Protein backbone atom coordinates (compact mmCIF):
# COMPACT_ATOMS: atom_id res chain seq x y z
CA UNK A 1 0.00 0.00 0.00
CA UNK A 2 1.37 3.40 -0.94
CA UNK A 3 1.34 6.33 1.44
CA UNK A 4 -1.06 9.15 0.60
CA UNK A 5 0.53 12.06 -1.21
CA UNK A 6 0.97 15.37 0.59
CA UNK A 7 -1.90 17.69 -0.39
CA UNK A 8 -1.09 21.33 -1.10
CA UNK A 9 -3.66 24.05 -1.74
CA UNK A 10 -2.48 26.87 -4.00
CA UNK A 11 -4.68 29.96 -3.67
CA UNK A 12 -3.93 32.75 -6.15
CA UNK A 13 -6.18 34.88 -8.34
CA UNK A 14 -3.64 34.77 -11.21
CA UNK A 15 -4.65 31.74 -13.30
CA UNK A 16 -1.20 31.41 -14.91
CA UNK A 17 0.56 31.32 -11.54
CA UNK A 18 -1.98 28.78 -10.24
CA UNK A 19 -1.42 26.53 -13.25
CA UNK A 20 2.37 26.76 -13.04
CA UNK A 21 2.44 26.15 -9.29
CA UNK A 22 0.07 23.19 -9.38
CA UNK A 23 1.91 21.61 -12.34
CA UNK A 24 5.27 21.98 -10.60
CA UNK A 25 3.92 20.53 -7.35
CA UNK A 26 2.29 17.59 -9.12
CA UNK A 27 5.49 16.92 -11.07
CA UNK A 28 7.31 16.84 -7.72
CA UNK A 29 4.91 14.15 -6.45
CA UNK A 30 2.46 16.26 -4.46
CA UNK A 31 -1.30 16.36 -4.81
CA UNK A 32 -2.12 19.98 -5.71
CA UNK A 33 -5.46 21.76 -5.55
CA UNK A 34 -6.08 25.29 -6.79
CA UNK A 35 -8.35 28.09 -5.56
CA UNK A 36 -8.87 31.45 -7.30
CA UNK A 37 -9.96 33.54 -4.31
CA UNK A 38 -9.75 33.78 -0.56
CA UNK A 39 -13.33 32.54 -0.20
CA UNK A 40 -12.58 29.56 -2.48
CA UNK A 41 -9.49 28.72 -0.40
CA UNK A 42 -11.53 28.72 2.81
CA UNK A 43 -14.22 26.55 1.17
CA UNK A 44 -11.59 24.08 -0.07
CA UNK A 45 -10.10 23.84 3.42
CA UNK A 46 -13.54 23.39 4.97
CA UNK A 47 -14.28 20.54 2.56
CA UNK A 48 -10.95 18.79 3.11
CA UNK A 49 -8.06 20.34 5.01
CA UNK A 50 -4.82 20.15 2.99
CA UNK A 51 -1.38 19.40 4.44
CA UNK A 52 -0.10 22.85 3.40
CA UNK A 53 -1.68 26.08 2.14
CA UNK A 54 0.11 28.53 -0.18
CA UNK A 55 -1.99 31.68 0.07
CA UNK A 56 -1.64 34.79 -2.09
CA UNK A 57 -2.19 38.02 -0.17
CA UNK A 58 -3.96 40.12 -2.83
CA UNK A 59 -7.06 38.28 -4.05
CA UNK A 60 -10.70 39.12 -4.64
CA UNK A 61 -13.34 37.43 -2.55
CA UNK A 62 -11.49 37.80 0.73
CA UNK A 63 -7.81 38.68 0.72
CA UNK A 64 -5.16 36.29 1.94
CA UNK A 65 -5.05 37.75 5.44
CA UNK A 66 -8.82 37.27 5.86
CA UNK A 67 -8.67 33.78 4.36
CA UNK A 68 -5.79 32.82 6.68
CA UNK A 69 -7.77 33.87 9.76
CA UNK A 70 -10.85 32.00 8.55
CA UNK A 71 -8.85 28.83 7.79
CA UNK A 72 -7.35 28.96 11.29
CA UNK A 73 -10.90 28.95 12.71
CA UNK A 74 -11.85 25.73 10.86
CA UNK A 75 -11.53 22.25 12.41
CA UNK A 76 -7.89 21.26 11.83
CA UNK A 77 -7.05 24.79 10.73
CA UNK A 78 -4.80 25.52 13.71
CA UNK A 79 -2.38 22.75 12.70
CA UNK A 80 -2.06 23.27 8.94
CA UNK A 81 0.99 25.27 7.83
CA UNK A 82 -0.08 28.40 5.93
CA UNK A 83 2.52 30.21 3.85
CA UNK A 84 1.51 33.66 2.66
CA UNK A 85 2.77 34.50 -0.83
CA UNK A 86 3.13 38.22 -1.44
CA UNK A 87 4.71 40.79 -3.70
CA UNK A 88 5.39 42.96 -0.65
CA UNK A 89 8.27 42.45 1.74
CA UNK A 90 7.72 45.49 3.96
CA UNK A 91 7.46 45.06 7.71
CA UNK A 92 3.76 45.99 7.82
CA UNK A 93 2.81 43.27 5.30
CA UNK A 94 4.91 40.71 7.12
CA UNK A 95 3.37 41.62 10.47
CA UNK A 96 -0.14 41.41 8.99
CA UNK A 97 0.64 37.90 7.71
CA UNK A 98 1.76 36.71 11.13
CA UNK A 99 -1.11 38.50 12.88
CA UNK A 100 -3.55 36.64 10.59
CA UNK A 101 -2.00 33.35 11.68
CA UNK A 102 0.46 32.64 8.89
CA UNK A 103 3.17 30.10 9.60
CA UNK A 104 5.58 31.84 7.22
CA UNK A 105 5.66 34.03 4.12
CA UNK A 106 7.52 34.16 0.84
CA UNK A 107 7.93 37.05 -1.57
CA UNK A 108 6.91 36.51 -5.19
CA UNK A 109 9.61 37.13 -7.77
CA UNK A 110 9.33 40.55 -9.42
CA UNK A 111 8.11 39.05 -12.70
CA UNK A 112 5.24 37.26 -10.97
CA UNK A 113 3.80 40.29 -9.18
CA UNK A 114 0.53 41.82 -10.32
CA UNK A 115 0.94 44.95 -12.39
């Protein structure tokens, strides 16, 4: 019997970034699920909590900070690692991520940021 694959939720409103991220994760052996908004990310977590959440900060339908707080309130949401993905690396953005309950954050490369 094979072990279940690690499930990763990728939440980003940029469809190209979602497709690239999920394809890369699946090629690396992970099970990847995509969500296009903060509300969709929360709904996906409520349906089946992933092993890891990659959460864009700037999204319609509930930004990443709001989604992070809402995921933390779900059953199992306190344990799941949530990594905020942002184009901002200023102290205020970083503090907001941690205040919302993020486990960590990463800064998007300059070419991947929304214009």
